[in-house]
């Protein structure tokens, strides 16, 4: 395996800028150089803001030199999934359908909060159209490719956000997650990604897919990075009625590395993907559980209640809610949509209003059942694999998103419940492709989820391993 063991993390970079051991200008130039080297290969960016980023870096370094107050992300390069508005350029949602005036000259709330904390926005990252569907080379947008092997899929839909962090084009990114769109690409690309509690991060300035399912969250190299970003992004917003008016924790202070006193349920989810599961996943999961025990946690076997029902409910709601938003354009501009988007949203008539209501009833029942699992088992959290497979060849992306390998996505369950779920790297397959460990917990307990992810990463270095251009070029 070709991998470096000294990747720069967002947290380390932020600290280095603050103490003057590295300049923001250097971080930005490193990010631009990485984009120059990688972007044509892996299709990370929809648009780049190099000139604006350089100007922001100069201003950031001047603030350090003058001893002005600095934000927690001061001078650190980040990127934004291209379904959230940024003031530097348009938001396309990787679609010909999007109104070019949508969100112009504005920042989404999550973007504005990162910027207010000192982060420097490097550009907008590639996605699946409107955060749904599949890569479509017939449209004038990049096909995202995995930096570990450009013949393979990044996962969707926060595709460029994941590949860019993995390849060093930026140190953190904003993603969104409706059925796994932060965690799937994070796991496929070997980085960390957090889907917070539903409503924890406002969606103001973000194009919707599923009104009751969409989550905005951080993607970065480590759980600590995600904690630092979440501290900045989370909190109520008057323009998002579903944003939670709940206290925002100092998540980084919870990262003690000590898991003593925690009781963690482990569900390997052996049955759902038995026909397509890769054997290495089970060995990596067992090794991860041992690490958690070594850190002081008690790990016990559990079975997630109503697992199949809640995964199905998530898909029914996602398709129905997405079609409701796009109905007029689907009728009038069908050919302008990508083929994968048409395939997914075009299936909405197969579900009735009664099906949607039943899906919502399953969601409610599942919430009660999961709460009972925690209470009766004395559990604090649950861990599972994030996915049952490593990154698939691009031509097989539909098999994961819509076909026979869809059961290997162990992510939709947590969207239906609206509960926080983090993925962190836990090893590599025999094909040198990353695998992810998924850590989920009760509503608003991101502190616990991040504490477990960080403790695991304090004992392992999977999250620091990075693809090399030489190895990637050799696999093209």
Protein backbone atom coordinates (compact mmCIF):
# COMPACT_ATOMS: atom_id res chain seq x y z
CA UNK A 1 0.00 0.00 0.00
CA UNK A 2 1.31 3.45 -0.90
CA UNK A 3 0.41 5.71 1.98
CA UNK A 4 1.94 8.57 3.90
CA UNK A 5 1.70 8.72 7.68
CA UNK A 6 2.12 12.46 8.26
CA UNK A 7 -0.95 14.00 6.65
CA UNK A 8 -1.78 17.48 7.89
CA UNK A 9 -5.04 17.66 9.82
CA UNK A 10 -7.29 20.68 10.00
CA UNK A 11 -6.86 20.85 13.77
CA UNK A 12 -3.08 20.80 13.55
CA UNK A 13 -3.08 23.39 10.78
CA UNK A 14 -5.37 25.72 12.73
CA UNK A 15 -3.08 25.48 15.74
CA UNK A 16 0.01 26.09 13.61
CA UNK A 17 -1.48 29.24 12.07
CA UNK A 18 -2.42 30.54 15.49
CA UNK A 19 1.03 29.99 16.98
CA UNK A 20 2.80 31.33 13.92
CA UNK A 21 4.64 28.18 12.87
CA UNK A 22 2.88 28.09 9.48
CA UNK A 23 1.24 30.83 7.44
CA UNK A 24 -2.19 30.74 5.92
CA UNK A 25 -0.55 31.68 2.62
CA UNK A 26 1.50 28.49 2.74
CA UNK A 27 -1.57 26.36 3.48
CA UNK A 28 -3.47 27.95 0.62
CA UNK A 29 -0.59 27.53 -1.83
CA UNK A 30 -0.25 23.88 -0.81
CA UNK A 31 -3.96 23.43 -1.43
CA UNK A 32 -3.76 25.13 -4.85
CA UNK A 33 -0.76 23.01 -5.82
CA UNK A 34 -2.60 19.85 -4.81
CA UNK A 35 -5.61 20.93 -6.88
CA UNK A 36 -3.37 21.61 -9.88
CA UNK A 37 -1.91 18.12 -9.54
CA UNK A 38 -5.02 16.13 -8.70
CA UNK A 39 -8.17 17.80 -9.96
CA UNK A 40 -7.95 16.70 -13.58
CA UNK A 41 -7.58 13.13 -12.34
CA UNK A 42 -10.27 12.95 -9.63
CA UNK A 43 -12.77 15.68 -10.54
CA UNK A 44 -13.01 17.28 -7.11
CA UNK A 45 -14.00 20.82 -8.05
CA UNK A 46 -16.92 22.39 -9.86
CA UNK A 47 -15.32 25.80 -9.37
CA UNK A 48 -12.14 27.11 -7.75
CA UNK A 49 -11.64 30.44 -6.00
CA UNK A 50 -7.84 30.63 -6.09
CA UNK A 51 -7.53 34.42 -6.30
CA UNK A 52 -10.07 35.05 -3.54
CA UNK A 53 -8.41 32.40 -1.37
CA UNK A 54 -4.97 33.97 -1.81
CA UNK A 55 -6.36 37.37 -0.84
CA UNK A 56 -8.07 35.89 2.20
CA UNK A 57 -4.82 34.17 3.22
CA UNK A 58 -2.91 37.45 3.03
CA UNK A 59 -5.52 39.07 5.24
CA UNK A 60 -5.39 36.13 7.65
CA UNK A 61 -1.61 36.37 7.98
CA UNK A 62 -1.82 40.12 8.53
CA UNK A 63 -4.26 39.52 11.38
CA UNK A 64 -1.81 37.11 13.00
CA UNK A 65 1.09 39.54 12.60
CA UNK A 66 -0.95 42.38 14.12
CA UNK A 67 -2.09 40.32 17.09
CA UNK A 68 -5.77 40.63 16.27
CA UNK A 69 -8.32 38.11 17.66
CA UNK A 70 -8.32 34.90 15.64
CA UNK A 71 -11.13 32.44 15.05
CA UNK A 72 -10.73 28.71 15.71
CA UNK A 73 -10.32 27.99 11.97
CA UNK A 74 -8.22 31.03 11.18
CA UNK A 75 -6.49 30.76 7.82
CA UNK A 76 -7.41 27.11 7.16
CA UNK A 77 -8.45 26.03 3.61
CA UNK A 78 -11.88 24.41 3.31
CA UNK A 79 -14.32 23.66 0.49
CA UNK A 80 -18.08 23.57 0.06
CA UNK A 81 -20.33 21.01 -1.61
CA UNK A 82 -21.92 22.69 -4.60
CA UNK A 83 -25.45 22.61 -3.27
CA UNK A 84 -24.66 25.29 -0.68
CA UNK A 85 -24.40 28.96 -1.58
CA UNK A 86 -21.06 30.79 -1.48
CA UNK A 87 -20.58 34.45 -2.23
CA UNK A 88 -17.61 33.88 -4.57
CA UNK A 89 -19.53 32.03 -7.26
CA UNK A 90 -22.73 30.34 -8.38
CA UNK A 91 -24.26 27.18 -7.00
CA UNK A 92 -25.00 24.63 -9.72
CA UNK A 93 -25.98 21.51 -7.75
CA UNK A 94 -24.13 19.90 -10.68
CA UNK A 95 -27.27 20.40 -12.77
CA UNK A 96 -28.38 22.16 -15.93
CA UNK A 97 -31.71 22.78 -14.23
CA UNK A 98 -30.53 25.07 -11.43
CA UNK A 99 -31.43 28.74 -11.76
CA UNK A 100 -28.06 30.48 -12.26
CA UNK A 101 -29.24 33.32 -10.00
CA UNK A 102 -29.94 31.01 -7.06
CA UNK A 103 -27.87 31.99 -4.04
CA UNK A 104 -25.72 34.47 -5.97
CA UNK A 105 -23.54 36.70 -3.76
CA UNK A 106 -24.70 34.92 -0.62
CA UNK A 107 -23.27 32.42 1.82
CA UNK A 108 -25.25 29.54 3.24
CA UNK A 109 -25.42 29.83 7.02
CA UNK A 110 -22.99 26.93 7.52
CA UNK A 111 -20.54 28.53 5.08
CA UNK A 112 -20.84 31.93 6.74
CA UNK A 113 -20.14 30.40 10.15
CA UNK A 114 -16.99 28.68 8.90
CA UNK A 115 -15.87 31.90 7.29
CA UNK A 116 -16.60 33.89 10.46
CA UNK A 117 -14.35 31.41 12.31
CA UNK A 118 -11.52 32.27 9.92
CA UNK A 119 -11.76 29.45 7.35
CA UNK A 120 -10.81 30.19 3.75
CA UNK A 121 -13.14 28.82 1.07
CA UNK A 122 -11.12 27.29 -1.77
CA UNK A 123 -14.02 26.35 -4.06
CA UNK A 124 -17.18 24.35 -4.68
CA UNK A 125 -16.94 20.56 -4.84
CA UNK A 126 -18.54 18.06 -7.17
CA UNK A 127 -21.63 16.14 -6.19
CA UNK A 128 -24.28 13.94 -7.66
CA UNK A 129 -26.98 16.12 -9.24
CA UNK A 130 -29.04 17.69 -6.45
CA UNK A 131 -27.31 15.25 -4.08
CA UNK A 132 -29.00 12.26 -5.70
CA UNK A 133 -28.39 9.93 -8.61
CA UNK A 134 -25.17 8.79 -10.24
CA UNK A 135 -22.16 10.09 -12.19
CA UNK A 136 -23.23 11.09 -15.70
CA UNK A 137 -20.44 11.75 -18.21
CA UNK A 138 -22.97 13.02 -20.77
CA UNK A 139 -23.47 16.21 -18.75
CA UNK A 140 -20.92 19.07 -18.66
CA UNK A 141 -19.74 18.37 -15.12
CA UNK A 142 -16.83 16.37 -13.70
CA UNK A 143 -17.21 12.69 -12.93
CA UNK A 144 -15.82 12.34 -9.38
CA UNK A 145 -13.14 9.67 -9.05
CA UNK A 146 -11.59 8.04 -6.03
CA UNK A 147 -8.04 9.24 -5.28
CA UNK A 148 -7.03 5.76 -4.12
CA UNK A 149 -7.98 4.38 -7.55
CA UNK A 150 -9.43 6.74 -10.19
CA UNK A 151 -11.21 3.84 -11.83
CA UNK A 152 -13.40 3.61 -8.75
CA UNK A 153 -16.30 5.61 -7.35
CA UNK A 154 -15.91 8.20 -4.64
CA UNK A 155 -19.38 7.45 -3.36
CA UNK A 156 -22.09 10.03 -3.39
CA UNK A 157 -23.24 12.53 -3.06
CA UNK A 158 -20.63 14.62 -1.19
CA UNK A 159 -18.13 13.24 -3.65
CA UNK A 160 -15.64 16.05 -4.22
CA UNK A 161 -15.70 17.01 -0.56
CA UNK A 162 -14.43 13.53 0.30
CA UNK A 163 -11.92 13.12 -2.50
CA UNK A 164 -10.50 16.60 -1.93
CA UNK A 165 -9.83 16.04 1.76
CA UNK A 166 -8.27 12.64 1.01
CA UNK A 167 -5.95 14.07 -1.64
CA UNK A 168 -5.04 17.22 0.29
CA UNK A 169 -6.84 19.82 -1.86
CA UNK A 170 -8.25 21.31 1.37
CA UNK A 171 -8.30 20.33 5.03
CA UNK A 172 -12.03 20.24 5.66
CA UNK A 173 -15.27 20.46 3.72
CA UNK A 174 -19.00 20.80 4.10
CA UNK A 175 -21.11 17.87 2.97
CA UNK A 176 -24.76 16.93 3.16
CA UNK A 177 -26.34 13.61 4.03
CA UNK A 178 -29.87 12.40 3.21
CA UNK A 179 -29.23 8.66 3.04
CA UNK A 180 -25.48 8.42 3.55
CA UNK A 181 -24.06 11.19 1.38
CA UNK A 182 -21.43 12.30 3.90
CA UNK A 183 -20.56 8.88 5.29
CA UNK A 184 -20.48 6.83 2.08
CA UNK A 185 -17.90 8.97 0.24
CA UNK A 186 -15.96 9.57 3.45
CA UNK A 187 -15.65 5.81 3.95
CA UNK A 188 -14.82 5.12 0.29
CA UNK A 189 -12.13 7.83 0.32
CA UNK A 190 -10.64 7.07 3.75
CA UNK A 191 -11.55 10.22 5.70
CA UNK A 192 -13.86 11.09 8.61
CA UNK A 193 -17.36 12.48 8.15
CA UNK A 194 -20.15 13.35 10.57
CA UNK A 195 -23.88 13.41 9.96
CA UNK A 196 -25.04 15.38 13.01
CA UNK A 197 -28.44 15.21 14.66
CA UNK A 198 -31.18 16.38 12.29
CA UNK A 199 -31.38 20.16 12.60
CA UNK A 200 -28.09 20.51 14.46
CA UNK A 201 -26.60 22.51 11.55
CA UNK A 202 -28.96 24.91 9.72
CA UNK A 203 -29.75 24.23 6.07
CA UNK A 204 -30.40 27.85 5.14
CA UNK A 205 -28.76 28.45 1.78
CA UNK A 206 -28.67 24.75 0.88
CA UNK A 207 -30.70 23.31 -1.99
CA UNK A 208 -32.97 20.59 -0.55
CA UNK A 209 -33.39 16.95 -1.45
CA UNK A 210 -35.38 15.45 1.43
CA UNK A 211 -37.07 18.09 3.58
CA UNK A 212 -37.20 15.85 6.65
CA UNK A 213 -33.96 13.97 6.01
CA UNK A 214 -31.27 16.40 4.87
CA UNK A 215 -28.34 16.96 7.23
CA UNK A 216 -25.43 19.39 6.78
CA UNK A 217 -22.18 18.26 8.35
CA UNK A 218 -18.37 18.35 8.41
CA UNK A 219 -15.94 16.18 6.47
CA UNK A 220 -12.24 16.17 7.33
CA UNK A 221 -9.33 13.91 8.06
CA UNK A 222 -10.07 13.25 11.72
CA UNK A 223 -12.90 13.12 14.24
CA UNK A 224 -11.17 15.99 16.05
CA UNK A 225 -11.35 18.05 12.87
CA UNK A 226 -15.06 17.30 12.57
CA UNK A 227 -15.56 18.31 16.20
CA UNK A 228 -13.83 21.64 15.61
CA UNK A 229 -15.92 22.33 12.51
CA UNK A 230 -19.17 21.33 14.22
CA UNK A 231 -18.54 23.72 17.11
CA UNK A 232 -18.57 26.49 14.54
CA UNK A 233 -21.38 25.29 12.24
CA UNK A 234 -24.00 24.14 14.76
CA UNK A 235 -26.73 26.25 16.32
CA UNK A 236 -30.17 27.70 15.75
CA UNK A 237 -31.08 29.85 12.76
CA UNK A 238 -34.27 31.88 12.44
CA UNK A 239 -34.56 31.16 8.71
CA UNK A 240 -34.55 27.37 9.17
CA UNK A 241 -37.58 26.29 11.16
CA UNK A 242 -36.12 22.81 11.58
CA UNK A 243 -32.80 24.05 12.98
CA UNK A 244 -32.54 23.08 16.63
CA UNK A 245 -32.47 25.77 19.28
CA UNK A 246 -30.28 23.69 21.58
CA UNK A 247 -26.99 24.50 23.31
CA UNK A 248 -23.90 23.80 21.20
CA UNK A 249 -21.25 21.86 23.05
CA UNK A 250 -17.51 22.38 23.11
CA UNK A 251 -17.05 19.10 21.33
CA UNK A 252 -13.27 19.22 21.27
CA UNK A 253 -13.19 19.23 25.08
CA UNK A 254 -14.92 15.84 25.07
CA UNK A 255 -12.02 14.24 23.17
CA UNK A 256 -10.18 12.72 26.10
CA UNK A 257 -9.10 9.48 24.45
CA UNK A 258 -10.61 7.66 27.44
CA UNK A 259 -13.68 5.46 26.89
CA UNK A 260 -13.96 4.10 30.41
CA UNK A 261 -17.55 3.97 31.58
CA UNK A 262 -19.02 3.72 28.07
CA UNK A 263 -21.04 0.70 27.01
CA UNK A 264 -21.12 0.33 23.23
CA UNK A 265 -23.38 -1.94 21.22
CA UNK A 266 -21.81 -3.65 18.20
CA UNK A 267 -23.99 -4.76 15.28
CA UNK A 268 -21.89 -6.17 12.44
CA UNK A 269 -24.98 -6.15 10.17
CA UNK A 270 -24.03 -9.51 8.74
CA UNK A 271 -27.34 -10.39 7.13
CA UNK A 272 -28.27 -7.35 5.00
CA UNK A 273 -25.28 -7.54 2.66
CA UNK A 274 -24.40 -11.22 2.97
CA UNK A 275 -24.46 -11.67 -0.83
CA UNK A 276 -22.01 -8.85 -1.56
CA UNK A 277 -20.07 -8.21 1.64
CA UNK A 278 -16.27 -8.19 1.52
CA UNK A 279 -14.67 -10.46 4.10
CA UNK A 280 -12.09 -7.87 5.15
CA UNK A 281 -14.84 -5.70 6.63
CA UNK A 282 -15.54 -8.23 9.36
CA UNK A 283 -11.89 -8.54 10.35
CA UNK A 284 -11.47 -4.76 10.45
CA UNK A 285 -14.63 -4.39 12.55
CA UNK A 286 -13.43 -6.97 15.05
CA UNK A 287 -10.07 -5.22 15.31
CA UNK A 288 -11.81 -1.87 15.79
CA UNK A 289 -13.91 -3.29 18.60
CA UNK A 290 -10.73 -4.50 20.30
CA UNK A 291 -9.30 -0.97 20.09
CA UNK A 292 -12.42 0.43 21.74
CA UNK A 293 -12.10 -2.14 24.53
CA UNK A 294 -8.44 -1.25 24.99
CA UNK A 295 -9.53 2.36 25.40
CA UNK A 296 -11.80 1.31 28.25
CA UNK A 297 -15.21 0.78 26.63
CA UNK A 298 -17.37 -2.27 27.20
CA UNK A 299 -18.45 -3.59 23.79
CA UNK A 300 -21.43 -5.95 23.56
CA UNK A 301 -23.28 -7.51 20.65
CA UNK A 302 -26.65 -6.01 19.72
CA UNK A 303 -29.15 -6.10 16.87
CA UNK A 304 -30.53 -2.82 15.58
CA UNK A 305 -34.33 -2.85 15.76
CA UNK A 306 -36.43 -2.41 12.60
CA UNK A 307 -33.28 -2.12 10.51
CA UNK A 308 -34.75 -3.10 7.14
CA UNK A 309 -37.92 -1.12 7.77
CA UNK A 310 -36.07 2.10 8.57
CA UNK A 311 -33.68 1.81 5.63
CA UNK A 312 -36.67 1.32 3.34
CA UNK A 313 -38.52 4.21 4.98
CA UNK A 314 -35.57 6.51 4.34
CA UNK A 315 -35.58 5.70 0.63
CA UNK A 316 -39.36 6.10 0.29
CA UNK A 317 -39.23 9.49 2.01
CA UNK A 318 -36.12 10.64 0.13
CA UNK A 319 -37.59 9.85 -3.28
CA UNK A 320 -41.02 11.26 -2.43
CA UNK A 321 -39.72 14.48 -0.91
CA UNK A 322 -37.17 14.99 -3.70
CA UNK A 323 -39.81 14.51 -6.38
CA UNK A 324 -42.10 16.96 -4.62
CA UNK A 325 -39.41 19.66 -4.83
CA UNK A 326 -38.52 18.91 -8.46
CA UNK A 327 -41.96 18.00 -9.82
CA UNK A 328 -42.43 21.03 -12.06
CA UNK A 329 -38.95 20.82 -13.57
CA UNK A 330 -39.17 17.06 -13.99
CA UNK A 331 -42.30 17.59 -16.09
CA UNK A 332 -40.87 20.41 -18.17
CA UNK A 333 -37.12 19.74 -18.33
CA UNK A 334 -36.85 15.97 -18.10
CA UNK A 335 -33.90 15.64 -20.50
CA UNK A 336 -31.91 18.32 -18.69
CA UNK A 337 -31.66 16.10 -15.62
CA UNK A 338 -28.91 13.49 -15.40
CA UNK A 339 -29.94 9.92 -16.14
CA UNK A 340 -29.42 8.81 -12.54
CA UNK A 341 -31.54 11.64 -11.19
CA UNK A 342 -34.33 10.76 -13.60
CA UNK A 343 -34.08 7.14 -12.53
CA UNK A 344 -34.35 7.95 -8.81
CA UNK A 345 -36.85 10.81 -8.73
CA UNK A 346 -38.79 9.39 -11.65
CA UNK A 347 -39.62 6.36 -9.53
CA UNK A 348 -41.66 8.49 -7.10
CA UNK A 349 -45.04 7.59 -8.70
CA UNK A 350 -44.39 4.00 -7.60
CA UNK A 351 -44.98 5.19 -4.01
CA UNK A 352 -48.39 6.36 -2.89
CA UNK A 353 -49.28 8.91 -0.26
CA UNK A 354 -50.14 5.96 1.96
CA UNK A 355 -46.61 4.58 1.46
CA UNK A 356 -45.14 7.91 2.56
CA UNK A 357 -47.35 7.97 5.65
CA UNK A 358 -46.32 4.42 6.49
CA UNK A 359 -42.67 5.38 6.11
CA UNK A 360 -43.19 8.20 8.61
CA UNK A 361 -44.91 5.77 10.98
CA UNK A 362 -41.94 3.40 10.66
CA UNK A 363 -39.65 6.31 11.51
CA UNK A 364 -41.60 7.04 14.70
CA UNK A 365 -41.73 3.38 15.72
CA UNK A 366 -38.02 3.01 14.98
CA UNK A 367 -37.15 5.97 17.18
CA UNK A 368 -38.96 4.40 20.12
CA UNK A 369 -37.40 1.00 19.42
CA UNK A 370 -33.86 2.37 19.26
CA UNK A 371 -34.35 4.37 22.45
CA UNK A 372 -35.54 1.16 24.13
CA UNK A 373 -32.46 -0.71 22.85
CA UNK A 374 -30.21 1.85 24.48
CA UNK A 375 -32.16 2.00 27.72
CA UNK A 376 -32.67 -1.73 28.19
CA UNK A 377 -29.08 -2.56 27.26
CA UNK A 378 -27.56 0.27 29.25
CA UNK A 379 -25.91 1.42 26.02
CA UNK A 380 -24.38 4.78 25.24
CA UNK A 381 -23.75 4.26 21.53
CA UNK A 382 -23.77 1.74 18.71
CA UNK A 383 -21.07 0.89 16.19
CA UNK A 384 -21.41 -0.85 12.82
CA UNK A 385 -19.45 -0.95 9.59
CA UNK A 386 -20.18 2.12 7.47
CA UNK A 387 -20.30 0.03 4.30
CA UNK A 388 -19.99 -3.65 3.52
CA UNK A 389 -17.72 -3.04 0.52
CA UNK A 390 -14.80 -0.90 -0.55
CA UNK A 391 -15.10 1.59 -3.39
CA UNK A 392 -16.65 -0.05 -6.45
CA UNK A 393 -15.61 0.56 -10.07
CA UNK A 394 -17.31 3.66 -11.45
CA UNK A 395 -19.30 1.60 -13.92
CA UNK A 396 -20.77 -0.29 -10.95
CA UNK A 397 -21.83 2.83 -9.03
CA UNK A 398 -25.47 2.09 -9.79
CA UNK A 399 -25.12 -1.27 -8.06
CA UNK A 400 -24.40 0.50 -4.77
CA UNK A 401 -26.83 3.38 -5.18
CA UNK A 402 -29.76 1.50 -6.68
CA UNK A 403 -28.91 -2.13 -7.34
CA UNK A 404 -27.77 -5.41 -5.81
CA UNK A 405 -25.07 -3.86 -3.61
CA UNK A 406 -27.39 -1.26 -2.09
CA UNK A 407 -27.82 -3.36 1.09
CA UNK A 408 -24.07 -2.85 1.70
CA UNK A 409 -24.82 0.80 2.52
CA UNK A 410 -25.35 0.77 6.29
CA UNK A 411 -26.14 4.48 6.45
CA UNK A 412 -29.84 5.22 5.72
CA UNK A 413 -31.02 3.84 9.07
CA UNK A 414 -29.57 6.85 10.88
CA UNK A 415 -31.12 9.38 8.49
CA UNK A 416 -34.57 7.95 9.13
CA UNK A 417 -33.93 8.34 12.87
CA UNK A 418 -32.24 11.73 12.54
CA UNK A 419 -29.48 10.65 14.94
CA UNK A 420 -25.79 11.57 14.83
CA UNK A 421 -23.53 9.13 12.99
CA UNK A 422 -19.80 9.43 12.33
CA UNK A 423 -17.61 7.40 10.01
CA UNK A 424 -13.87 7.03 10.60
CA UNK A 425 -11.37 4.93 8.61
CA UNK A 426 -10.76 1.48 10.09
CA UNK A 427 -8.45 -0.21 7.57
CA UNK A 428 -8.08 -1.22 3.95
CA UNK A 429 -9.41 -4.02 1.79
CA UNK A 430 -7.16 -6.44 -0.06
CA UNK A 431 -7.39 -4.01 -3.00
CA UNK A 432 -5.94 -1.16 -0.87
CA UNK A 433 -9.30 0.58 -0.59
CA UNK A 434 -10.44 2.25 2.64
CA UNK A 435 -13.09 0.84 4.98
CA UNK A 436 -15.12 2.81 7.51
CA UNK A 437 -16.30 2.32 11.09
CA UNK A 438 -19.69 3.93 11.81
CA UNK A 439 -20.39 5.30 15.30
CA UNK A 440 -23.93 6.44 16.15
CA UNK A 441 -25.64 7.70 19.27
CA UNK A 442 -28.66 9.45 20.77
CA UNK A 443 -29.94 12.80 19.57
CA UNK A 444 -27.66 15.75 20.34
CA UNK A 445 -24.91 13.48 21.69
CA UNK A 446 -22.34 14.36 19.07
CA UNK A 447 -19.93 14.72 21.96
CA UNK A 448 -20.11 10.99 22.67
CA UNK A 449 -19.93 9.99 19.01
CA UNK A 450 -16.90 12.20 18.40
CA UNK A 451 -15.26 11.06 21.65
CA UNK A 452 -15.36 7.46 20.49
CA UNK A 453 -14.12 8.32 16.99
CA UNK A 454 -11.26 10.40 18.36
CA UNK A 455 -10.25 7.74 20.90
CA UNK A 456 -10.12 5.19 18.10
CA UNK A 457 -7.95 7.54 16.04
CA UNK A 458 -5.62 8.24 18.94
CA UNK A 459 -4.84 4.52 18.89
CA UNK A 460 -4.69 4.04 15.09
CA UNK A 461 -3.36 5.89 12.07
CA UNK A 462 -5.77 4.83 9.34
CA UNK A 463 -7.09 8.40 9.10
CA UNK A 464 -3.59 9.76 8.41
CA UNK A 465 -2.91 7.55 5.43
CA UNK A 466 -3.14 9.33 2.12
CA UNK A 467 -3.08 8.30 -1.53
CA UNK A 468 -0.01 9.25 -3.57
CA UNK A 469 -0.19 10.63 -7.07
CA UNK A 470 2.33 8.05 -8.32
CA UNK A 471 0.22 5.17 -7.04
CA UNK A 472 -2.96 6.75 -8.35
CA UNK A 473 -1.51 7.37 -11.81
CA UNK A 474 -0.30 3.75 -11.92
CA UNK A 475 -3.90 2.55 -11.41
CA UNK A 476 -5.47 4.77 -14.07
